[in-house]
Amino acid sequence: MVFFEPLQSGKNALVGAQGRAIADPEGKFSISTYGTNDGAVVGHHRVRVGPPHREDHPNFKCACVLNAEIDLMEVDIKKGQKNHFELVLKKKTGAEPKALPER
């Protein structure tokens, strides 16, 4: 799961709707916010990556760090442009902070 959370400039408050996507087996994804593959809202975002829901993807495996509570990076979504980003995930070492349990 990939999350694009819009941030208000200069503050920590979230603004606008969060965009979400599920990466395909090759790691490619397209964000959906209000509709399917409509992209993220324009502005500054923090990007987080977490595992997919177990019931939807029971065989999912990744030797990478997936914690939707930790910021991976920040990006700017610009109007009228193709906004492409490469998300580089760290490999698991066993010393990562634990993710919150699924609800």
PDB file of N, CA and C in Angstrom:
ATOM      1  N   MET A   1       0.851  -1.177   0.000  1.00  0.00           N
ATOM      2  CA  MET A   1       0.000   0.000   0.000  1.00  0.00           C
ATOM      3  C   MET A   1       0.894   1.235   0.000  1.00  0.00           C
ATOM      4  N   VAL A   2       0.571   2.184  -0.853  1.00  0.00           N
ATOM      5  CA  VAL A   2       1.289   3.451  -0.938  1.00  0.00           C
ATOM      6  C   VAL A   2       0.304   4.547  -0.564  1.00  0.00           C
ATOM      7  N   PHE A   3       0.734   5.449   0.320  1.00  0.00           N
ATOM      8  CA  PHE A   3      -0.117   6.534   0.791  1.00  0.00           C
ATOM      9  C   PHE A   3       0.533   7.878   0.491  1.00  0.00           C
ATOM     10  N   PHE A   4      -0.215   8.781  -0.136  1.00  0.00           N
ATOM     11  CA  PHE A   4       0.219  10.157  -0.352  1.00  0.00           C
ATOM     12  C   PHE A   4      -0.674  11.027   0.523  1.00  0.00           C
ATOM     13  N   GLU A   5      -0.105  11.579   1.608  1.00  0.00           N
ATOM     14  CA  GLU A   5      -0.874  12.374   2.562  1.00  0.00           C
ATOM     15  C   GLU A   5      -0.533  13.848   2.364  1.00  0.00           C
ATOM     16  N   PRO A   6      -1.505  14.662   1.917  1.00  0.00           N
ATOM     17  CA  PRO A   6      -1.229  16.075   1.687  1.00  0.00           C
ATOM     18  C   PRO A   6      -0.949  16.799   2.997  1.00  0.00           C
ATOM     19  N   LEU A   7       0.042  17.702   2.951  1.00  0.00           N
ATOM     20  CA  LEU A   7       0.434  18.484   4.116  1.00  0.00           C
ATOM     21  C   LEU A   7       0.214  19.964   3.851  1.00  0.00           C
ATOM     22  N   GLN A   8      -0.212  20.662   4.872  1.00  0.00           N
ATOM     23  CA  GLN A   8      -0.328  22.109   4.766  1.00  0.00           C
ATOM     24  C   GLN A   8       1.064  22.686   4.947  1.00  0.00           C
ATOM     25  N   SER A   9       1.504  23.566   4.079  1.00  0.00           N
ATOM     26  CA  SER A   9       2.854  24.120   4.147  1.00  0.00           C
ATOM     27  C   SER A   9       3.081  24.806   5.487  1.00  0.00           C
ATOM     28  N   GLY A  10       4.206  24.470   6.112  1.00  0.00           N
ATOM     29  CA  GLY A  10       4.599  25.108   7.360  1.00  0.00           C
ATOM     30  C   GLY A  10       3.911  24.578   8.604  1.00  0.00           C
ATOM     31  N   LYS A  11       3.015  23.614   8.458  1.00  0.00           N
ATOM     32  CA  LYS A  11       2.309  23.047   9.605  1.00  0.00           C
ATOM     33  C   LYS A  11       2.266  21.534   9.449  1.00  0.00           C
ATOM     34  N   ASN A  12       1.905  20.819  10.511  1.00  0.00           N
ATOM     35  CA  ASN A  12       1.829  19.360  10.449  1.00  0.00           C
ATOM     36  C   ASN A  12       0.430  18.853  10.121  1.00  0.00           C
ATOM     37  N   ALA A  13      -0.547  19.737   9.973  1.00  0.00           N
ATOM     38  CA  ALA A  13      -1.931  19.314   9.743  1.00  0.00           C
ATOM     39  C   ALA A  13      -2.100  18.729   8.338  1.00  0.00           C
ATOM     40  N   LEU A  14      -2.877  17.679   8.243  1.00  0.00           N
ATOM     41  CA  LEU A  14      -3.222  17.120   6.940  1.00  0.00           C
ATOM     42  C   LEU A  14      -4.272  17.999   6.279  1.00  0.00           C
ATOM     43  N   VAL A  15      -4.179  18.188   4.977  1.00  0.00           N
ATOM     44  CA  VAL A  15      -5.172  18.960   4.232  1.00  0.00           C
ATOM     45  C   VAL A  15      -5.554  18.188   2.977  1.00  0.00           C
ATOM     46  N   GLY A  16      -6.825  18.149   2.663  1.00  0.00           N
ATOM     47  CA  GLY A  16      -7.282  17.417   1.489  1.00  0.00           C
ATOM     48  C   GLY A  16      -7.336  15.930   1.756  1.00  0.00           C
ATOM     49  N   ALA A  17      -7.776  15.197   0.771  1.00  0.00           N
ATOM     50  CA  ALA A  17      -7.927  13.750   0.905  1.00  0.00           C
ATOM     51  C   ALA A  17      -6.606  13.044   0.645  1.00  0.00           C
ATOM     52  N   GLN A  18      -6.415  11.945   1.336  1.00  0.00           N
ATOM     53  CA  GLN A  18      -5.236  11.109   1.157  1.00  0.00           C
ATOM     54  C   GLN A  18      -5.390  10.269  -0.108  1.00  0.00           C
ATOM     55  N   GLY A  19      -4.328  10.166  -0.895  1.00  0.00           N
ATOM     56  CA  GLY A  19      -4.313   9.295  -2.054  1.00  0.00           C
ATOM     57  C   GLY A  19      -3.712   7.957  -1.676  1.00  0.00           C
ATOM     58  N   ARG A  20      -4.231   6.882  -2.288  1.00  0.00           N
ATOM     59  CA  ARG A  20      -3.761   5.531  -1.973  1.00  0.00           C
ATOM     60  C   ARG A  20      -3.598   4.712  -3.243  1.00  0.00           C
ATOM     61  N   ALA A  21      -2.733   3.714  -3.146  1.00  0.00           N
ATOM     62  CA  ALA A  21      -2.537   2.794  -4.270  1.00  0.00           C
ATOM     63  C   ALA A  21      -1.992   1.476  -3.742  1.00  0.00           C
ATOM     64  N   ILE A  22      -2.172   0.442  -4.536  1.00  0.00           N
ATOM     65  CA  ILE A  22      -1.532  -0.843  -4.282  1.00  0.00           C
ATOM     66  C   ILE A  22      -0.551  -1.058  -5.422  1.00  0.00           C
ATOM     67  N   ALA A  23       0.709  -1.276  -5.079  1.00  0.00           N
ATOM     68  CA  ALA A  23       1.721  -1.495  -6.103  1.00  0.00           C
ATOM     69  C   ALA A  23       1.519  -2.872  -6.740  1.00  0.00           C
ATOM     70  N   ASP A  24       1.813  -2.949  -8.031  1.00  0.00           N
ATOM     71  CA  ASP A  24       1.716  -4.241  -8.723  1.00  0.00           C
ATOM     72  C   ASP A  24       2.989  -5.051  -8.435  1.00  0.00           C
ATOM     73  N   PRO A  25       3.090  -6.289  -8.925  1.00  0.00           N
ATOM     74  CA  PRO A  25       4.279  -7.108  -8.644  1.00  0.00           C
ATOM     75  C   PRO A  25       5.596  -6.484  -9.099  1.00  0.00           C
ATOM     76  N   GLU A  26       5.538  -5.574 -10.078  1.00  0.00           N
ATOM     77  CA  GLU A  26       6.752  -4.885 -10.538  1.00  0.00           C
ATOM     78  C   GLU A  26       7.039  -3.632  -9.726  1.00  0.00           C
ATOM     79  N   GLY A  27       6.157  -3.295  -8.781  1.00  0.00           N
ATOM     80  CA  GLY A  27       6.351  -2.118  -7.944  1.00  0.00           C
ATOM     81  C   GLY A  27       5.736  -0.848  -8.511  1.00  0.00           C
ATOM     82  N   LYS A  28       5.019  -0.943  -9.606  1.00  0.00           N
ATOM     83  CA  LYS A  28       4.394   0.240 -10.208  1.00  0.00           C
ATOM     84  C   LYS A  28       3.029   0.477  -9.563  1.00  0.00           C
ATOM     85  N   PHE A  29       2.660   1.745  -9.458  1.00  0.00           N
ATOM     86  CA  PHE A  29       1.380   2.090  -8.849  1.00  0.00           C
ATOM     87  C   PHE A  29       0.844   3.382  -9.432  1.00  0.00           C
ATOM     88  N   SER A  30      -0.459   3.589  -9.284  1.00  0.00           N
ATOM     89  CA  SER A  30      -1.120   4.816  -9.694  1.00  0.00           C
ATOM     90  C   SER A  30      -2.052   5.216  -8.554  1.00  0.00           C
ATOM     91  N   ILE A  31      -1.871   6.420  -8.051  1.00  0.00           N
ATOM     92  CA  ILE A  31      -2.617   6.901  -6.891  1.00  0.00           C
ATOM     93  C   ILE A  31      -4.077   7.180  -7.249  1.00  0.00           C
ATOM     94  N   SER A  32      -4.960   6.802  -6.337  1.00  0.00           N
ATOM     95  CA  SER A  32      -6.391   7.119  -6.427  1.00  0.00           C
ATOM     96  C   SER A  32      -6.762   7.920  -5.191  1.00  0.00           C
ATOM     97  N   THR A  33      -7.448   9.051  -5.397  1.00  0.00           N
ATOM     98  CA  THR A  33      -7.852   9.902  -4.271  1.00  0.00           C
ATOM     99  C   THR A  33      -9.365   9.987  -4.188  1.00  0.00           C
ATOM    100  N   TYR A  34     -10.002  10.541  -5.209  1.00  0.00           N
ATOM    101  CA  TYR A  34     -11.462  10.659  -5.225  1.00  0.00           C
ATOM    102  C   TYR A  34     -12.107   9.648  -6.170  1.00  0.00           C
ATOM    103  N   GLY A  35     -11.303   9.140  -7.111  1.00  0.00           N
ATOM    104  CA  GLY A  35     -11.773   8.156  -8.077  1.00  0.00           C
ATOM    105  C   GLY A  35     -10.609   7.272  -8.472  1.00  0.00           C
ATOM    106  N   THR A  36     -10.856   6.284  -9.290  1.00  0.00           N
ATOM    107  CA  THR A  36      -9.827   5.329  -9.682  1.00  0.00           C
ATOM    108  C   THR A  36      -8.733   5.983 -10.516  1.00  0.00           C
ATOM    109  N   ASN A  37      -7.497   5.870 -10.055  1.00  0.00           N
ATOM    110  CA  ASN A  37      -6.305   6.371 -10.761  1.00  0.00           C
ATOM    111  C   ASN A  37      -6.385   7.851 -11.127  1.00  0.00           C
ATOM    112  N   ASP A  38      -7.046   8.660 -10.281  1.00  0.00           N
ATOM    113  CA  ASP A  38      -7.152  10.091 -10.569  1.00  0.00           C
ATOM    114  C   ASP A  38      -5.982  10.902 -10.034  1.00  0.00           C
ATOM    115  N   GLY A  39      -5.039  10.264  -9.358  1.00  0.00           N
ATOM    116  CA  GLY A  39      -3.848  10.948  -8.851  1.00  0.00           C
ATOM    117  C   GLY A  39      -4.063  11.557  -7.482  1.00  0.00           C
ATOM    118  N   ALA A  40      -3.015  12.197  -6.991  1.00  0.00           N
ATOM    119  CA  ALA A  40      -3.047  12.861  -5.690  1.00  0.00           C
ATOM    120  C   ALA A  40      -3.433  14.320  -5.870  1.00  0.00           C
ATOM    121  N   VAL A  41      -3.918  14.944  -4.803  1.00  0.00           N
ATOM    122  CA  VAL A  41      -4.253  16.367  -4.868  1.00  0.00           C
ATOM    123  C   VAL A  41      -2.969  17.176  -5.042  1.00  0.00           C
ATOM    124  N   VAL A  42      -3.084  18.344  -5.655  1.00  0.00           N
ATOM    125  CA  VAL A  42      -1.934  19.217  -5.873  1.00  0.00           C
ATOM    126  C   VAL A  42      -1.426  19.730  -4.536  1.00  0.00           C
ATOM    127  N   GLY A  43      -0.103  19.743  -4.372  1.00  0.00           N
ATOM    128  CA  GLY A  43       0.505  20.278  -3.164  1.00  0.00           C
ATOM    129  C   GLY A  43       1.599  19.381  -2.615  1.00  0.00           C
ATOM    130  N   HIS A  44       2.026  19.712  -1.408  1.00  0.00           N
ATOM    131  CA  HIS A  44       3.111  18.998  -0.735  1.00  0.00           C
ATOM    132  C   HIS A  44       2.552  17.784   0.010  1.00  0.00           C
ATOM    133  N   HIS A  45       3.225  16.635  -0.101  1.00  0.00           N
ATOM    134  CA  HIS A  45       2.755  15.378   0.489  1.00  0.00           C
ATOM    135  C   HIS A  45       3.875  14.662   1.229  1.00  0.00           C
ATOM    136  N   ARG A  46       3.486  13.910   2.263  1.00  0.00           N
ATOM    137  CA  ARG A  46       4.399  12.922   2.820  1.00  0.00           C
ATOM    138  C   ARG A  46       3.956  11.588   2.241  1.00  0.00           C
ATOM    139  N   VAL A  47       4.942  10.735   1.971  1.00  0.00           N
ATOM    140  CA  VAL A  47       4.680   9.434   1.369  1.00  0.00           C
ATOM    141  C   VAL A  47       5.013   8.362   2.395  1.00  0.00           C
ATOM    142  N   ARG A  48       4.086   7.438   2.559  1.00  0.00           N
ATOM    143  CA  ARG A  48       4.270   6.307   3.466  1.00  0.00           C
ATOM    144  C   ARG A  48       3.927   5.032   2.712  1.00  0.00           C
ATOM    145  N   VAL A  49       4.569   3.937   3.102  1.00  0.00           N
ATOM    146  CA  VAL A  49       4.333   2.652   2.448  1.00  0.00           C
ATOM    147  C   VAL A  49       4.116   1.598   3.522  1.00  0.00           C
ATOM    148  N   GLY A  50       3.038   0.841   3.381  1.00  0.00           N
ATOM    149  CA  GLY A  50       2.734  -0.223   4.332  1.00  0.00           C
ATOM    150  C   GLY A  50       2.334  -1.485   3.597  1.00  0.00           C
ATOM    151  N   PRO A  51       2.251  -2.589   4.326  1.00  0.00           N
ATOM    152  CA  PRO A  51       1.839  -3.842   3.683  1.00  0.00           C
ATOM    153  C   PRO A  51       0.368  -3.810   3.300  1.00  0.00           C
ATOM    154  N   PRO A  52      -0.028  -4.579   2.289  1.00  0.00           N
ATOM    155  CA  PRO A  52      -1.451  -4.657   1.944  1.00  0.00           C
ATOM    156  C   PRO A  52      -2.197  -5.459   3.011  1.00  0.00           C
ATOM    157  N   HIS A  53      -3.512  -5.356   3.007  1.00  0.00           N
ATOM    158  CA  HIS A  53      -4.321  -6.130   3.946  1.00  0.00           C
ATOM    159  C   HIS A  53      -4.108  -7.619   3.685  1.00  0.00           C
ATOM    160  N   ARG A  54      -3.878  -8.362   4.747  1.00  0.00           N
ATOM    161  CA  ARG A  54      -3.596  -9.804   4.630  1.00  0.00           C
ATOM    162  C   ARG A  54      -4.713 -10.568   3.940  1.00  0.00           C
ATOM    163  N   GLU A  55      -5.960 -10.204   4.247  1.00  0.00           N
ATOM    164  CA  GLU A  55      -7.073 -10.953   3.646  1.00  0.00           C
ATOM    165  C   GLU A  55      -7.175 -10.725   2.142  1.00  0.00           C
ATOM    166  N   ASP A  56      -6.719  -9.563   1.655  1.00  0.00           N
ATOM    167  CA  ASP A  56      -6.749  -9.281   0.218  1.00  0.00           C
ATOM    168  C   ASP A  56      -5.533  -9.855  -0.515  1.00  0.00           C
ATOM    169  N   HIS A  57      -4.411  -9.966   0.184  1.00  0.00           N
ATOM    170  CA  HIS A  57      -3.157 -10.433  -0.423  1.00  0.00           C
ATOM    171  C   HIS A  57      -2.466 -11.404   0.538  1.00  0.00           C
ATOM    172  N   PRO A  58      -3.033 -12.592   0.736  1.00  0.00           N
ATOM    173  CA  PRO A  58      -2.510 -13.511   1.752  1.00  0.00           C
ATOM    174  C   PRO A  58      -1.090 -14.019   1.490  1.00  0.00           C
ATOM    175  N   ASN A  59      -0.640 -14.016   0.248  1.00  0.00           N
ATOM    176  CA  ASN A  59       0.693 -14.539  -0.076  1.00  0.00           C
ATOM    177  C   ASN A  59       1.738 -13.450  -0.266  1.00  0.00           C
ATOM    178  N   PHE A  60       1.411 -12.219   0.135  1.00  0.00           N
ATOM    179  CA  PHE A  60       2.339 -11.100  -0.053  1.00  0.00           C
ATOM    180  C   PHE A  60       3.592 -11.285   0.792  1.00  0.00           C
ATOM    181  N   LYS A  61       4.742 -11.082   0.156  1.00  0.00           N
ATOM    182  CA  LYS A  61       6.022 -11.135   0.859  1.00  0.00           C
ATOM    183  C   LYS A  61       6.916 -10.037   0.320  1.00  0.00           C
ATOM    184  N   CYS A  62       7.687  -9.436   1.213  1.00  0.00           N
ATOM    185  CA  CYS A  62       8.647  -8.417   0.801  1.00  0.00           C
ATOM    186  C   CYS A  62       9.769  -8.392   1.839  1.00  0.00           C
ATOM    187  N   ALA A  63      11.000  -8.422   1.386  1.00  0.00           N
ATOM    188  CA  ALA A  63      12.145  -8.338   2.294  1.00  0.00           C
ATOM    189  C   ALA A  63      12.513  -6.885   2.541  1.00  0.00           C
ATOM    190  N   CYS A  64      11.495  -6.032   2.512  1.00  0.00           N
ATOM    191  CA  CYS A  64      11.714  -4.597   2.670  1.00  0.00           C
ATOM    192  C   CYS A  64      10.948  -4.073   3.887  1.00  0.00           C
ATOM    193  N   VAL A  65      11.305  -2.874   4.308  1.00  0.00           N
ATOM    194  CA  VAL A  65      10.643  -2.237   5.443  1.00  0.00           C
ATOM    195  C   VAL A  65       9.335  -1.626   4.958  1.00  0.00           C
ATOM    196  N   LEU A  66       8.220  -2.055   5.547  1.00  0.00           N
ATOM    197  CA  LEU A  66       6.896  -1.533   5.220  1.00  0.00           C
ATOM    198  C   LEU A  66       6.232  -1.115   6.524  1.00  0.00           C
ATOM    199  N   ASN A  67       6.160   0.183   6.765  1.00  0.00           N
ATOM    200  CA  ASN A  67       5.550   0.697   7.981  1.00  0.00           C
ATOM    201  C   ASN A  67       4.802   1.973   7.623  1.00  0.00           C
ATOM    202  N   ALA A  68       3.483   1.896   7.578  1.00  0.00           N
ATOM    203  CA  ALA A  68       2.654   3.035   7.171  1.00  0.00           C
ATOM    204  C   ALA A  68       2.635   4.144   8.212  1.00  0.00           C
ATOM    205  N   GLU A  69       3.345   3.985   9.330  1.00  0.00           N
ATOM    206  CA  GLU A  69       3.420   5.010  10.371  1.00  0.00           C
ATOM    207  C   GLU A  69       4.681   5.862  10.237  1.00  0.00           C
ATOM    208  N   ILE A  70       5.569   5.503   9.312  1.00  0.00           N
ATOM    209  CA  ILE A  70       6.839   6.213   9.154  1.00  0.00           C
ATOM    210  C   ILE A  70       6.906   6.844   7.769  1.00  0.00           C
ATOM    211  N   ASP A  71       7.285   8.122   7.720  1.00  0.00           N
ATOM    212  CA  ASP A  71       7.425   8.817   6.439  1.00  0.00           C
ATOM    213  C   ASP A  71       8.594   8.238   5.652  1.00  0.00           C
ATOM    214  N   LEU A  72       8.336   7.928   4.379  1.00  0.00           N
ATOM    215  CA  LEU A  72       9.382   7.451   3.487  1.00  0.00           C
ATOM    216  C   LEU A  72      10.077   8.633   2.814  1.00  0.00           C
ATOM    217  N   MET A  73       9.275   9.624   2.415  1.00  0.00           N
ATOM    218  CA  MET A  73       9.803  10.798   1.727  1.00  0.00           C
ATOM    219  C   MET A  73       8.709  11.849   1.645  1.00  0.00           C
ATOM    220  N   GLU A  74       9.071  13.045   1.178  1.00  0.00           N
ATOM    221  CA  GLU A  74       8.099  14.103   0.897  1.00  0.00           C
ATOM    222  C   GLU A  74       8.238  14.487  -0.566  1.00  0.00           C
ATOM    223  N   VAL A  75       7.093  14.781  -1.201  1.00  0.00           N
ATOM    224  CA  VAL A  75       7.082  15.123  -2.623  1.00  0.00           C
ATOM    225  C   VAL A  75       6.107  16.271  -2.858  1.00  0.00           C
ATOM    226  N   ASP A  76       6.278  16.944  -3.979  1.00  0.00           N
ATOM    227  CA  ASP A  76       5.346  17.985  -4.401  1.00  0.00           C
ATOM    228  C   ASP A  76       4.612  17.508  -5.641  1.00  0.00           C
ATOM    229  N   ILE A  77       3.282  17.525  -5.585  1.00  0.00           N
ATOM    230  CA  ILE A  77       2.446  17.194  -6.733  1.00  0.00           C
ATOM    231  C   ILE A  77       2.129  18.509  -7.430  1.00  0.00           C
ATOM    232  N   LYS A  78       2.476  18.591  -8.700  1.00  0.00           N
ATOM    233  CA  LYS A  78       2.285  19.823  -9.459  1.00  0.00           C
ATOM    234  C   LYS A  78       1.175  19.663 -10.481  1.00  0.00           C
ATOM    235  N   LYS A  79       0.356  20.681 -10.597  1.00  0.00           N
ATOM    236  CA  LYS A  79      -0.770  20.682 -11.529  1.00  0.00           C
ATOM    237  C   LYS A  79      -0.269  20.692 -12.968  1.00  0.00           C
ATOM    238  N   GLY A  80      -0.927  19.899 -13.817  1.00  0.00           N
ATOM    239  CA  GLY A  80      -0.636  19.901 -15.248  1.00  0.00           C
ATOM    240  C   GLY A  80       0.652  19.194 -15.628  1.00  0.00           C
ATOM    241  N   GLN A  81       1.258  18.469 -14.699  1.00  0.00           N
ATOM    242  CA  GLN A  81       2.500  17.757 -14.994  1.00  0.00           C
ATOM    243  C   GLN A  81       2.330  16.277 -14.687  1.00  0.00           C
ATOM    244  N   LYS A  82       3.145  15.468 -15.337  1.00  0.00           N
ATOM    245  CA  LYS A  82       3.186  14.051 -14.971  1.00  0.00           C
ATOM    246  C   LYS A  82       4.061  13.973 -13.733  1.00  0.00           C
ATOM    247  N   ASN A  83       3.476  13.524 -12.655  1.00  0.00           N
ATOM    248  CA  ASN A  83       4.202  13.428 -11.398  1.00  0.00           C
ATOM    249  C   ASN A  83       4.614  11.981 -11.174  1.00  0.00           C
ATOM    250  N   HIS A  84       5.865  11.670 -11.489  1.00  0.00           N
ATOM    251  CA  HIS A  84       6.398  10.319 -11.336  1.00  0.00           C
ATOM    252  C   HIS A  84       7.438  10.346 -10.221  1.00  0.00           C
ATOM    253  N   PHE A  85       7.367   9.364  -9.340  1.00  0.00           N
ATOM    254  CA  PHE A  85       8.302   9.280  -8.222  1.00  0.00           C
ATOM    255  C   PHE A  85       8.781   7.853  -8.071  1.00  0.00           C
ATOM    256  N   GLU A  86      10.056   7.702  -7.739  1.00  0.00           N
ATOM    257  CA  GLU A  86      10.604   6.384  -7.438  1.00  0.00           C
ATOM    258  C   GLU A  86      10.708   6.262  -5.928  1.00  0.00           C
ATOM    259  N   LEU A  87      10.055   5.258  -5.382  1.00  0.00           N
ATOM    260  CA  LEU A  87      10.096   5.007  -3.954  1.00  0.00           C
ATOM    261  C   LEU A  87      11.120   3.901  -3.707  1.00  0.00           C
ATOM    262  N   VAL A  88      12.133   4.212  -2.935  1.00  0.00           N
ATOM    263  CA  VAL A  88      13.185   3.239  -2.640  1.00  0.00           C
ATOM    264  C   VAL A  88      12.971   2.748  -1.218  1.00  0.00           C
ATOM    265  N   LEU A  89      12.660   1.459  -1.096  1.00  0.00           N
ATOM    266  CA  LEU A  89      12.398   0.859   0.210  1.00  0.00           C
ATOM    267  C   LEU A  89      13.669   0.228   0.765  1.00  0.00           C
ATOM    268  N   LYS A  90      13.868   0.384   2.069  1.00  0.00           N
ATOM    269  CA  LYS A  90      15.027  -0.215   2.725  1.00  0.00           C
ATOM    270  C   LYS A  90      14.789  -1.708   2.924  1.00  0.00           C
ATOM    271  N   LYS A  91      15.875  -2.463   2.916  1.00  0.00           N
ATOM    272  CA  LYS A  91      15.789  -3.897   3.198  1.00  0.00           C
ATOM    273  C   LYS A  91      15.624  -4.094   4.704  1.00  0.00           C
ATOM    274  N   LYS A  92      14.882  -5.132   5.070  1.00  0.00           N
ATOM    275  CA  LYS A  92      14.695  -5.463   6.482  1.00  0.00           C
ATOM    276  C   LYS A  92      16.020  -5.872   7.103  1.00  0.00           C
ATOM    277  N   THR A  93      16.249  -5.393   8.330  1.00  0.00           N
ATOM    278  CA  THR A  93      17.444  -5.785   9.079  1.00  0.00           C
ATOM    279  C   THR A  93      17.072  -6.475  10.380  1.00  0.00           C
ATOM    280  N   GLY A  94      15.791  -6.368  10.783  1.00  0.00           N
ATOM    281  CA  GLY A  94      15.350  -6.916  12.053  1.00  0.00           C
ATOM    282  C   GLY A  94      15.362  -5.889  13.168  1.00  0.00           C
ATOM    283  N   ALA A  95      15.928  -4.712  12.922  1.00  0.00           N
ATOM    284  CA  ALA A  95      16.014  -3.666  13.947  1.00  0.00           C
ATOM    285  C   ALA A  95      15.007  -2.547  13.715  1.00  0.00           C
ATOM    286  N   GLU A  96      14.056  -2.744  12.783  1.00  0.00           N
ATOM    287  CA  GLU A  96      13.086  -1.704  12.455  1.00  0.00           C
ATOM    288  C   GLU A  96      12.043  -1.561  13.565  1.00  0.00           C
ATOM    289  N   PRO A  97      11.484  -0.340  13.727  1.00  0.00           N
ATOM    290  CA  PRO A  97      10.369  -0.183  14.673  1.00  0.00           C
ATOM    291  C   PRO A  97       9.187  -1.016  14.203  1.00  0.00           C
ATOM    292  N   LYS A  98       8.435  -1.565  15.122  1.00  0.00           N
ATOM    293  CA  LYS A  98       7.281  -2.380  14.790  1.00  0.00           C
ATOM    294  C   LYS A  98       6.123  -1.502  14.332  1.00  0.00           C
ATOM    295  N   ALA A  99       5.395  -1.968  13.328  1.00  0.00           N
ATOM    296  CA  ALA A  99       4.195  -1.260  12.846  1.00  0.00           C
ATOM    297  C   ALA A  99       3.074  -1.486  13.844  1.00  0.00           C
ATOM    298  N   LEU A 100       2.130  -0.565  13.869  1.00  0.00           N
ATOM    299  CA  LEU A 100       0.955  -0.731  14.705  1.00  0.00           C
ATOM    300  C   LEU A 100       0.145  -1.911  14.185  1.00  0.00           C
ATOM    301  N   PRO A 101      -0.516  -2.651  15.067  1.00  0.00           N
ATOM    302  CA  PRO A 101      -1.333  -3.787  14.605  1.00  0.00           C
ATOM    303  C   PRO A 101      -2.479  -3.336  13.722  1.00  0.00           C
ATOM    304  N   GLU A 102      -2.856  -4.198  12.751  1.00  0.00           N
ATOM    305  CA  GLU A 102      -3.991  -3.887  11.878  1.00  0.00           C
ATOM    306  C   GLU A 102      -5.276  -3.884  12.689  1.00  0.00           C
ATOM    307  N   ARG A 103      -6.190  -3.021  12.282  1.00  0.00           N
ATOM    308  CA  ARG A 103      -7.490  -2.951  12.957  1.00  0.00           C
ATOM    309  C   ARG A 103      -8.516  -3.708  12.199  1.00  0.00           C
TER     310      ARG A 103
END
